[in-house]
Amino acid sequence: MALPEGAPSAGALLREWRQRRNLSQLELATRSAVSVRHLSFIETGRARPSREMVLYLAERLDVPLRERNHLLLAAGFAPVFGERSLEESEMAAVREALERFLSAHEPYPAVVVDRRWNIVAANRGVAYVTRGVAPELLALPANALRIALHPDGMAPRISNLAEWSRYLLARLRRAIEATRDPGLESLYQELVAYPGVTPDDRASPADPNDVLLMHELQLDDRRLTLFSTLTTFGTARDLTLAELTIEAFYPADPQTTEALTAAIREIHPGSRAPRSAAHI
């Protein structure tokens, strides 16, 4: 794997990441126990960093694993972080853990997404809340944000669409800032053009008295109020694992608990939302 001609040097990329983290050379040097002079020489190309120094500085800058590989390539070294498909034998324990979590979380919705919010796996709770979504939105690679905010997706049934879309777009914007992924930027521009969606830089601030932002849905004659948690693989050294996120939704009131429990009983026990590991 080689970088295209004219690609930024490792020093230039490190400087960019330092600036993105709002750190001065002195602050990064202090955190890294590296002299400001040496750090300056690395950033300007007057000194060539070793493989260990690239990884050391990337760790201090909290650079995503995928971008650490790019830094290594820019410095003339081979990438060190692999990327395995979830279908590979080495990932059997991970697949089992994900399936166990998704199944145990039922009747409440839970979904696993990759770095671009494409759905990797989902349980029957998700299958229930996405009933009636346009088939083309559910076709692989189904994108969770597109499903949530598209007018032919879940948007018409979200009672607090302005608040919820603001929250989702703010998460997406943070991911863009963290990864510099042009695919995420393209997705952001698509989503903000949907009717009823509130861009994260134009919305009113959330009520500071609220404990949680709720996801409010109206499904047929059932009103659901949910909140969510996010889970990642904290010790991942593989790109696939490092970029997976599990979003689990929980009922915020007894009525939602009863509605989801009843809804799952209506779904065939063998049914499960589409799953794909081909687009990670």
C-alpha atoms as a PDB file:
ATOM      1  CA  MET A   1       0.000   0.000   0.000  1.00  0.00           C
ATOM      2  CA  ALA A   2       1.523   3.315  -1.076  1.00  0.00           C
ATOM      3  CA  LEU A   3       0.493   6.915  -0.630  1.00  0.00           C
ATOM      4  CA  PRO A   4      -0.394   8.942  -3.729  1.00  0.00           C
ATOM      5  CA  GLU A   5       2.201  11.302  -5.150  1.00  0.00           C
ATOM      6  CA  GLY A   6       2.138  14.661  -3.425  1.00  0.00           C
ATOM      7  CA  ALA A   7       0.549  13.278  -0.237  1.00  0.00           C
ATOM      8  CA  PRO A   8       1.402  15.142   2.993  1.00  0.00           C
ATOM      9  CA  SER A   9       4.501  14.072   4.902  1.00  0.00           C
ATOM     10  CA  ALA A  10       4.282  12.396   8.286  1.00  0.00           C
ATOM     11  CA  GLY A  11       5.434  15.637   9.914  1.00  0.00           C
ATOM     12  CA  ALA A  12       2.728  17.656   8.178  1.00  0.00           C
ATOM     13  CA  LEU A  13       0.071  15.120   9.220  1.00  0.00           C
ATOM     14  CA  LEU A  14       1.270  15.158  12.829  1.00  0.00           C
ATOM     15  CA  ARG A  15       1.126  18.944  12.833  1.00  0.00           C
ATOM     16  CA  GLU A  16      -2.418  18.799  11.458  1.00  0.00           C
ATOM     17  CA  TRP A  17      -3.513  16.339  14.145  1.00  0.00           C
ATOM     18  CA  ARG A  18      -1.876  18.487  16.834  1.00  0.00           C
ATOM     19  CA  GLN A  19      -3.763  21.526  15.608  1.00  0.00           C
ATOM     20  CA  ARG A  20      -7.003  19.569  15.417  1.00  0.00           C
ATOM     21  CA  ARG A  21      -6.519  18.703  19.082  1.00  0.00           C
ATOM     22  CA  ASN A  22      -5.925  22.389  19.865  1.00  0.00           C
ATOM     23  CA  LEU A  23      -2.459  21.733  21.268  1.00  0.00           C
ATOM     24  CA  SER A  24       0.612  23.904  20.945  1.00  0.00           C
ATOM     25  CA  GLN A  25       3.983  22.352  20.210  1.00  0.00           C
ATOM     26  CA  LEU A  26       4.935  23.019  23.828  1.00  0.00           C
ATOM     27  CA  GLU A  27       1.835  21.265  25.165  1.00  0.00           C
ATOM     28  CA  LEU A  28       2.375  18.198  22.987  1.00  0.00           C
ATOM     29  CA  ALA A  29       6.094  18.130  23.777  1.00  0.00           C
ATOM     30  CA  THR A  30       5.325  18.257  27.504  1.00  0.00           C
ATOM     31  CA  ARG A  31       2.790  15.436  27.207  1.00  0.00           C
ATOM     32  CA  SER A  32       5.196  13.332  25.166  1.00  0.00           C
ATOM     33  CA  ALA A  33       8.488  14.024  26.980  1.00  0.00           C
ATOM     34  CA  VAL A  34       9.915  15.158  23.631  1.00  0.00           C
ATOM     35  CA  SER A  35      11.759  18.449  23.206  1.00  0.00           C
ATOM     36  CA  VAL A  36       9.920  21.250  21.432  1.00  0.00           C
ATOM     37  CA  ARG A  37      12.922  21.549  19.104  1.00  0.00           C
ATOM     38  CA  HIS A  38      12.726  17.894  18.046  1.00  0.00           C
ATOM     39  CA  LEU A  39       8.963  18.050  17.608  1.00  0.00           C
ATOM     40  CA  SER A  40       9.347  21.171  15.453  1.00  0.00           C
ATOM     41  CA  PHE A  41      11.981  19.427  13.331  1.00  0.00           C
ATOM     42  CA  ILE A  42       9.644  16.445  12.816  1.00  0.00           C
ATOM     43  CA  GLU A  43       6.721  18.661  11.783  1.00  0.00           C
ATOM     44  CA  THR A  44       8.795  20.693   9.332  1.00  0.00           C
ATOM     45  CA  GLY A  45      10.522  17.660   7.846  1.00  0.00           C
ATOM     46  CA  ARG A  46      13.985  18.524   9.136  1.00  0.00           C
ATOM     47  CA  ALA A  47      13.982  15.301  11.166  1.00  0.00           C
ATOM     48  CA  ARG A  48      12.612  11.929  10.087  1.00  0.00           C
ATOM     49  CA  PRO A  49      10.646  10.272  12.901  1.00  0.00           C
ATOM     50  CA  SER A  50      11.201   6.628  13.711  1.00  0.00           C
ATOM     51  CA  ARG A  51       8.374   4.133  13.523  1.00  0.00           C
ATOM     52  CA  GLU A  52       8.198   4.126  17.315  1.00  0.00           C
ATOM     53  CA  MET A  53       8.066   7.927  17.481  1.00  0.00           C
ATOM     54  CA  VAL A  54       5.204   8.082  14.943  1.00  0.00           C
ATOM     55  CA  LEU A  55       3.157   5.626  16.988  1.00  0.00           C
ATOM     56  CA  TYR A  56       4.106   7.330  20.258  1.00  0.00           C
ATOM     57  CA  LEU A  57       3.000  10.773  19.103  1.00  0.00           C
ATOM     58  CA  ALA A  58      -0.137   9.348  17.469  1.00  0.00           C
ATOM     59  CA  GLU A  59      -1.063   7.749  20.799  1.00  0.00           C
ATOM     60  CA  ARG A  60      -0.621  11.077  22.615  1.00  0.00           C
ATOM     61  CA  LEU A  61      -2.778  12.782  19.981  1.00  0.00           C
ATOM     62  CA  ASP A  62      -5.473  10.089  20.165  1.00  0.00           C
ATOM     63  CA  VAL A  63      -5.263   9.526  16.425  1.00  0.00           C
ATOM     64  CA  PRO A  64      -7.688   6.789  15.205  1.00  0.00           C
ATOM     65  CA  LEU A  65      -6.017   3.487  14.301  1.00  0.00           C
ATOM     66  CA  ARG A  66      -6.800   3.836  10.590  1.00  0.00           C
ATOM     67  CA  GLU A  67      -5.103   7.232  10.519  1.00  0.00           C
ATOM     68  CA  ARG A  68      -2.113   5.858  12.432  1.00  0.00           C
ATOM     69  CA  ASN A  69      -1.568   3.492   9.526  1.00  0.00           C
ATOM     70  CA  HIS A  70      -1.620   6.510   7.185  1.00  0.00           C
ATOM     71  CA  LEU A  71       0.940   8.270   9.372  1.00  0.00           C
ATOM     72  CA  LEU A  72       3.219   5.235   9.225  1.00  0.00           C
ATOM     73  CA  LEU A  73       2.928   5.078   5.442  1.00  0.00           C
ATOM     74  CA  ALA A  74       3.713   8.772   5.172  1.00  0.00           C
ATOM     75  CA  ALA A  75       6.838   8.196   7.274  1.00  0.00           C
ATOM     76  CA  GLY A  76       7.931   5.309   5.042  1.00  0.00           C
ATOM     77  CA  PHE A  77       6.877   2.433   7.283  1.00  0.00           C
ATOM     78  CA  ALA A  78       4.433  -0.426   6.832  1.00  0.00           C
ATOM     79  CA  PRO A  79       1.026  -0.198   8.549  1.00  0.00           C
ATOM     80  CA  VAL A  80       0.770  -2.164  11.790  1.00  0.00           C
ATOM     81  CA  PHE A  81      -2.987  -2.305  12.394  1.00  0.00           C
ATOM     82  CA  GLY A  82      -4.833  -4.995  10.469  1.00  0.00           C
ATOM     83  CA  GLU A  83      -8.417  -5.055   9.233  1.00  0.00           C
ATOM     84  CA  ARG A  84     -10.251  -8.378   9.385  1.00  0.00           C
ATOM     85  CA  SER A  85     -13.744  -9.190   8.261  1.00  0.00           C
ATOM     86  CA  LEU A  86     -16.130 -10.208  11.016  1.00  0.00           C
ATOM     87  CA  GLU A  87     -16.639 -13.441   9.103  1.00  0.00           C
ATOM     88  CA  GLU A  88     -13.012 -14.533   9.567  1.00  0.00           C
ATOM     89  CA  SER A  89     -12.268 -17.332  12.025  1.00  0.00           C
ATOM     90  CA  GLU A  90     -10.185 -15.054  14.279  1.00  0.00           C
ATOM     91  CA  MET A  91     -13.304 -12.964  14.871  1.00  0.00           C
ATOM     92  CA  ALA A  92     -15.498 -15.852  16.058  1.00  0.00           C
ATOM     93  CA  ALA A  93     -15.383 -14.720  19.689  1.00  0.00           C
ATOM     94  CA  VAL A  94     -16.355 -11.186  18.667  1.00  0.00           C
ATOM     95  CA  ARG A  95     -19.272 -12.431  16.559  1.00  0.00           C
ATOM     96  CA  GLU A  96     -20.474 -14.544  19.456  1.00  0.00           C
ATOM     97  CA  ALA A  97     -20.220 -11.615  21.873  1.00  0.00           C
ATOM     98  CA  LEU A  98     -22.184  -9.336  19.562  1.00  0.00           C
ATOM     99  CA  GLU A  99     -24.907 -11.912  18.973  1.00  0.00           C
ATOM    100  CA  ARG A 100     -25.173 -12.601  22.692  1.00  0.00           C
ATOM    101  CA  PHE A 101     -25.524  -8.903  23.466  1.00  0.00           C
ATOM    102  CA  LEU A 102     -28.111  -8.280  20.765  1.00  0.00           C
ATOM    103  CA  SER A 103     -30.211 -11.263  21.759  1.00  0.00           C
ATOM    104  CA  ALA A 104     -30.001 -10.548  25.486  1.00  0.00           C
ATOM    105  CA  HIS A 105     -31.070  -6.954  24.925  1.00  0.00           C
ATOM    106  CA  GLU A 106     -34.387  -7.941  23.342  1.00  0.00           C
ATOM    107  CA  PRO A 107     -37.163  -6.861  23.387  1.00  0.00           C
ATOM    108  CA  TYR A 108     -35.370  -3.505  23.324  1.00  0.00           C
ATOM    109  CA  PRO A 109     -33.673  -2.317  20.103  1.00  0.00           C
ATOM    110  CA  ALA A 110     -29.901  -2.622  19.692  1.00  0.00           C
ATOM    111  CA  VAL A 111     -27.787  -2.112  16.592  1.00  0.00           C
ATOM    112  CA  VAL A 112     -24.103  -2.502  15.670  1.00  0.00           C
ATOM    113  CA  VAL A 113     -22.721   0.014  13.176  1.00  0.00           C
ATOM    114  CA  ASP A 114     -19.357   0.541  11.522  1.00  0.00           C
ATOM    115  CA  ARG A 115     -17.379   3.778  11.224  1.00  0.00           C
ATOM    116  CA  ARG A 116     -19.761   5.168   8.593  1.00  0.00           C
ATOM    117  CA  TRP A 117     -22.916   4.131  10.465  1.00  0.00           C
ATOM    118  CA  ASN A 118     -23.600   1.195   8.135  1.00  0.00           C
ATOM    119  CA  ILE A 119     -25.515  -1.508   9.993  1.00  0.00           C
ATOM    120  CA  VAL A 120     -23.456  -4.598  10.754  1.00  0.00           C
ATOM    121  CA  ALA A 121     -25.991  -6.391  12.951  1.00  0.00           C
ATOM    122  CA  ALA A 122     -29.287  -5.636  14.692  1.00  0.00           C
ATOM    123  CA  ASN A 123     -31.836  -7.430  16.818  1.00  0.00           C
ATOM    124  CA  ARG A 124     -35.591  -7.907  16.509  1.00  0.00           C
ATOM    125  CA  GLY A 125     -36.256  -4.722  18.440  1.00  0.00           C
ATOM    126  CA  VAL A 126     -34.698  -2.780  15.577  1.00  0.00           C
ATOM    127  CA  ALA A 127     -36.693  -4.838  13.088  1.00  0.00           C
ATOM    128  CA  TYR A 128     -39.840  -3.700  14.879  1.00  0.00           C
ATOM    129  CA  VAL A 129     -39.104   0.045  15.060  1.00  0.00           C
ATOM    130  CA  THR A 130     -38.012   0.108  11.394  1.00  0.00           C
ATOM    131  CA  ARG A 131     -41.154  -1.590  10.079  1.00  0.00           C
ATOM    132  CA  GLY A 132     -42.586   0.490   7.261  1.00  0.00           C
ATOM    133  CA  VAL A 133     -39.265   2.072   6.317  1.00  0.00           C
ATOM    134  CA  ALA A 134     -38.755   2.188   2.545  1.00  0.00           C
ATOM    135  CA  PRO A 135     -37.137  -1.077   1.348  1.00  0.00           C
ATOM    136  CA  GLU A 136     -34.363   0.760  -0.494  1.00  0.00           C
ATOM    137  CA  LEU A 137     -33.222   2.292   2.795  1.00  0.00           C
ATOM    138  CA  LEU A 138     -33.014  -1.144   4.396  1.00  0.00           C
ATOM    139  CA  ALA A 139     -31.087  -2.661   1.478  1.00  0.00           C
ATOM    140  CA  LEU A 140     -27.419  -3.393   2.198  1.00  0.00           C
ATOM    141  CA  PRO A 141     -25.403  -1.464   3.078  1.00  0.00           C
ATOM    142  CA  ALA A 142     -28.195  -0.031   5.210  1.00  0.00           C
ATOM    143  CA  ASN A 143     -27.101   3.184   6.910  1.00  0.00           C
ATOM    144  CA  ALA A 144     -28.498   3.841  10.396  1.00  0.00           C
ATOM    145  CA  LEU A 145     -28.411   7.636  10.089  1.00  0.00           C
ATOM    146  CA  ARG A 146     -30.085   7.589   6.683  1.00  0.00           C
ATOM    147  CA  ILE A 147     -32.788   5.258   8.015  1.00  0.00           C
ATOM    148  CA  ALA A 148     -33.321   7.513  11.042  1.00  0.00           C
ATOM    149  CA  LEU A 149     -33.587  10.863   9.260  1.00  0.00           C
ATOM    150  CA  HIS A 150     -34.788  10.182   5.708  1.00  0.00           C
ATOM    151  CA  PRO A 151     -38.403  11.256   5.009  1.00  0.00           C
ATOM    152  CA  ASP A 152     -39.098   7.709   3.787  1.00  0.00           C
ATOM    153  CA  GLY A 153     -37.391   6.309   6.865  1.00  0.00           C
ATOM    154  CA  MET A 154     -38.147   6.849  10.534  1.00  0.00           C
ATOM    155  CA  ALA A 155     -38.270  10.662  10.459  1.00  0.00           C
ATOM    156  CA  PRO A 156     -42.098  10.947  10.130  1.00  0.00           C
ATOM    157  CA  ARG A 157     -42.580   8.823  13.246  1.00  0.00           C
ATOM    158  CA  ILE A 158     -40.026  10.693  15.425  1.00  0.00           C
ATOM    159  CA  SER A 159     -41.985  13.114  17.592  1.00  0.00           C
ATOM    160  CA  ASN A 160     -38.931  15.173  18.564  1.00  0.00           C
ATOM    161  CA  LEU A 161     -37.205  15.106  15.174  1.00  0.00           C
ATOM    162  CA  ALA A 162     -35.535  18.512  15.588  1.00  0.00           C
ATOM    163  CA  GLU A 163     -33.828  17.526  18.839  1.00  0.00           C
ATOM    164  CA  TRP A 164     -32.994  13.989  17.749  1.00  0.00           C
ATOM    165  CA  SER A 165     -31.575  15.042  14.379  1.00  0.00           C
ATOM    166  CA  ARG A 166     -29.478  17.720  16.079  1.00  0.00           C
ATOM    167  CA  TYR A 167     -28.045  15.078  18.402  1.00  0.00           C
ATOM    168  CA  LEU A 168     -27.260  12.652  15.572  1.00  0.00           C
ATOM    169  CA  LEU A 169     -25.675  15.340  13.405  1.00  0.00           C
ATOM    170  CA  ALA A 170     -23.557  16.537  16.321  1.00  0.00           C
ATOM    171  CA  ARG A 171     -22.264  12.976  16.772  1.00  0.00           C
ATOM    172  CA  LEU A 172     -21.534  12.760  13.070  1.00  0.00           C
ATOM    173  CA  ARG A 173     -19.721  16.108  13.122  1.00  0.00           C
ATOM    174  CA  ARG A 174     -17.522  14.930  15.999  1.00  0.00           C
ATOM    175  CA  ALA A 175     -16.670  11.795  14.039  1.00  0.00           C
ATOM    176  CA  ILE A 176     -15.713  13.926  11.033  1.00  0.00           C
ATOM    177  CA  GLU A 177     -13.478  16.082  13.197  1.00  0.00           C
ATOM    178  CA  ALA A 178     -11.874  13.008  14.744  1.00  0.00           C
ATOM    179  CA  THR A 179     -11.261  11.035  11.545  1.00  0.00           C
ATOM    180  CA  ARG A 180     -11.178  13.497   8.610  1.00  0.00           C
ATOM    181  CA  ASP A 181     -13.235  10.908   6.691  1.00  0.00           C
ATOM    182  CA  PRO A 182     -14.616  12.482   3.459  1.00  0.00           C
ATOM    183  CA  GLY A 183     -17.286   9.778   3.314  1.00  0.00           C
ATOM    184  CA  LEU A 184     -18.696  11.022   6.611  1.00  0.00           C
ATOM    185  CA  GLU A 185     -18.622  14.609   5.387  1.00  0.00           C
ATOM    186  CA  SER A 186     -20.593  13.570   2.301  1.00  0.00           C
ATOM    187  CA  LEU A 187     -23.115  11.758   4.509  1.00  0.00           C
ATOM    188  CA  TYR A 188     -23.465  14.869   6.695  1.00  0.00           C
ATOM    189  CA  GLN A 189     -24.238  17.076   3.699  1.00  0.00           C
ATOM    190  CA  GLU A 190     -26.855  14.574   2.538  1.00  0.00           C
ATOM    191  CA  LEU A 191     -28.562  14.382   5.924  1.00  0.00           C
ATOM    192  CA  VAL A 192     -28.785  18.130   6.559  1.00  0.00           C
ATOM    193  CA  ALA A 193     -30.712  18.480   3.286  1.00  0.00           C
ATOM    194  CA  TYR A 194     -33.543  16.226   4.497  1.00  0.00           C
ATOM    195  CA  PRO A 195     -36.773  18.033   5.430  1.00  0.00           C
ATOM    196  CA  GLY A 196     -37.277  18.599   9.142  1.00  0.00           C
ATOM    197  CA  VAL A 197     -33.643  17.897  10.009  1.00  0.00           C
ATOM    198  CA  THR A 198     -31.984  20.505  12.229  1.00  0.00           C
ATOM    199  CA  PRO A 199     -28.247  21.087  11.594  1.00  0.00           C
ATOM    200  CA  ASP A 200     -26.205  20.815  14.765  1.00  0.00           C
ATOM    201  CA  ASP A 201     -24.807  24.350  14.377  1.00  0.00           C
ATOM    202  CA  ARG A 202     -28.214  26.013  14.108  1.00  0.00           C
ATOM    203  CA  ALA A 203     -30.295  24.285  16.735  1.00  0.00           C
ATOM    204  CA  SER A 204     -31.213  25.667  20.123  1.00  0.00           C
ATOM    205  CA  PRO A 205     -29.205  24.225  23.023  1.00  0.00           C
ATOM    206  CA  ALA A 206     -30.731  21.328  24.925  1.00  0.00           C
ATOM    207  CA  ASP A 207     -32.534  22.020  28.168  1.00  0.00           C
ATOM    208  CA  PRO A 208     -29.865  21.725  30.898  1.00  0.00           C
ATOM    209  CA  ASN A 209     -32.533  20.461  33.302  1.00  0.00           C
ATOM    210  CA  ASP A 210     -33.138  17.333  31.195  1.00  0.00           C
ATOM    211  CA  VAL A 211     -31.524  14.175  32.530  1.00  0.00           C
ATOM    212  CA  LEU A 212     -31.289  12.548  29.080  1.00  0.00           C
ATOM    213  CA  LEU A 213     -32.273  13.325  25.516  1.00  0.00           C
ATOM    214  CA  MET A 214     -35.128  10.967  24.706  1.00  0.00           C
ATOM    215  CA  HIS A 215     -35.868   9.300  21.393  1.00  0.00           C
ATOM    216  CA  GLU A 216     -39.643   9.700  21.016  1.00  0.00           C
ATOM    217  CA  LEU A 217     -41.409   7.501  18.450  1.00  0.00           C
ATOM    218  CA  GLN A 218     -45.008   7.084  17.404  1.00  0.00           C
ATOM    219  CA  LEU A 219     -45.520   3.611  15.925  1.00  0.00           C
ATOM    220  CA  ASP A 220     -49.109   2.895  14.932  1.00  0.00           C
ATOM    221  CA  ASP A 221     -51.032   3.451  18.170  1.00  0.00           C
ATOM    222  CA  ARG A 222     -47.949   2.979  20.350  1.00  0.00           C
ATOM    223  CA  ARG A 223     -45.872   5.828  21.719  1.00  0.00           C
ATOM    224  CA  LEU A 224     -42.294   4.841  22.584  1.00  0.00           C
ATOM    225  CA  THR A 225     -39.875   6.892  24.674  1.00  0.00           C
ATOM    226  CA  LEU A 226     -36.314   5.590  24.644  1.00  0.00           C
ATOM    227  CA  PHE A 227     -32.813   6.580  25.668  1.00  0.00           C
ATOM    228  CA  SER A 228     -29.602   5.015  24.413  1.00  0.00           C
ATOM    229  CA  THR A 229     -26.108   3.968  25.436  1.00  0.00           C
ATOM    230  CA  LEU A 230     -23.015   3.554  23.254  1.00  0.00           C
ATOM    231  CA  THR A 231     -20.485   0.732  23.610  1.00  0.00           C
ATOM    232  CA  THR A 232     -17.161   0.263  21.835  1.00  0.00           C
ATOM    233  CA  PHE A 233     -14.297  -2.235  22.027  1.00  0.00           C
ATOM    234  CA  GLY A 234     -11.912  -0.330  24.262  1.00  0.00           C
ATOM    235  CA  THR A 235      -8.845  -2.547  23.711  1.00  0.00           C
ATOM    236  CA  ALA A 236      -9.256  -3.145  19.988  1.00  0.00           C
ATOM    237  CA  ARG A 237      -6.088  -3.376  17.890  1.00  0.00           C
ATOM    238  CA  ASP A 238      -7.911  -4.289  14.698  1.00  0.00           C
ATOM    239  CA  LEU A 239      -9.503  -1.585  12.530  1.00  0.00           C
ATOM    240  CA  THR A 240     -12.803  -3.432  12.217  1.00  0.00           C
ATOM    241  CA  LEU A 241     -13.220  -3.752  15.972  1.00  0.00           C
ATOM    242  CA  ALA A 242     -11.934  -0.264  16.739  1.00  0.00           C
ATOM    243  CA  GLU A 243     -14.564   1.231  14.434  1.00  0.00           C
ATOM    244  CA  LEU A 244     -17.594  -0.747  15.652  1.00  0.00           C
ATOM    245  CA  THR A 245     -20.178   0.900  17.900  1.00  0.00           C
ATOM    246  CA  ILE A 246     -23.107  -0.786  19.644  1.00  0.00           C
ATOM    247  CA  GLU A 247     -26.054   1.504  20.299  1.00  0.00           C
ATOM    248  CA  ALA A 248     -28.550   0.025  22.723  1.00  0.00           C
ATOM    249  CA  PHE A 249     -31.924   1.613  23.418  1.00  0.00           C
ATOM    250  CA  TYR A 250     -33.766   1.332  26.728  1.00  0.00           C
ATOM    251  CA  PRO A 251     -37.376   2.147  27.645  1.00  0.00           C
ATOM    252  CA  ALA A 252     -37.835   5.388  29.572  1.00  0.00           C
ATOM    253  CA  ASP A 253     -41.254   4.452  30.980  1.00  0.00           C
ATOM    254  CA  PRO A 254     -43.402   1.368  31.714  1.00  0.00           C
ATOM    255  CA  GLN A 255     -45.609   2.008  28.692  1.00  0.00           C
ATOM    256  CA  THR A 256     -42.627   1.667  26.345  1.00  0.00           C
ATOM    257  CA  THR A 257     -41.506  -1.512  28.095  1.00  0.00           C
ATOM    258  CA  GLU A 258     -44.951  -3.051  27.653  1.00  0.00           C
ATOM    259  CA  ALA A 259     -45.213  -1.930  24.026  1.00  0.00           C
ATOM    260  CA  LEU A 260     -41.836  -3.376  23.025  1.00  0.00           C
ATOM    261  CA  THR A 261     -42.481  -6.630  24.863  1.00  0.00           C
ATOM    262  CA  ALA A 262     -45.821  -7.041  23.111  1.00  0.00           C
ATOM    263  CA  ALA A 263     -44.340  -6.089  19.737  1.00  0.00           C
ATOM    264  CA  ILE A 264     -41.573  -8.694  19.912  1.00  0.00           C
ATOM    265  CA  ARG A 265     -44.171 -11.396  20.564  1.00  0.00           C
ATOM    266  CA  GLU A 266     -45.801 -10.380  17.283  1.00  0.00           C
ATOM    267  CA  ILE A 267     -42.565 -10.906  15.341  1.00  0.00           C
ATOM    268  CA  HIS A 268     -41.671 -14.442  14.260  1.00  0.00           C
ATOM    269  CA  PRO A 269     -39.079 -15.824  16.730  1.00  0.00           C
ATOM    270  CA  GLY A 270     -36.631 -16.596  13.927  1.00  0.00           C
ATOM    271  CA  SER A 271     -36.680 -13.150  12.390  1.00  0.00           C
ATOM    272  CA  ARG A 272     -33.699 -10.874  12.640  1.00  0.00           C
ATOM    273  CA  ALA A 273     -32.766  -7.616  10.970  1.00  0.00           C
ATOM    274  CA  PRO A 274     -30.346  -7.850   8.033  1.00  0.00           C
ATOM    275  CA  ARG A 275     -26.734  -8.396   8.969  1.00  0.00           C
ATOM    276  CA  SER A 276     -23.643  -7.782   6.875  1.00  0.00           C
ATOM    277  CA  ALA A 277     -19.937  -7.589   7.601  1.00  0.00           C
ATOM    278  CA  ALA A 278     -18.958  -6.884   4.013  1.00  0.00           C
ATOM    279  CA  HIS A 279     -18.953  -3.099   4.327  1.00  0.00           C
ATOM    280  CA  ILE A 280     -16.884  -2.592   7.447  1.00  0.00           C
END
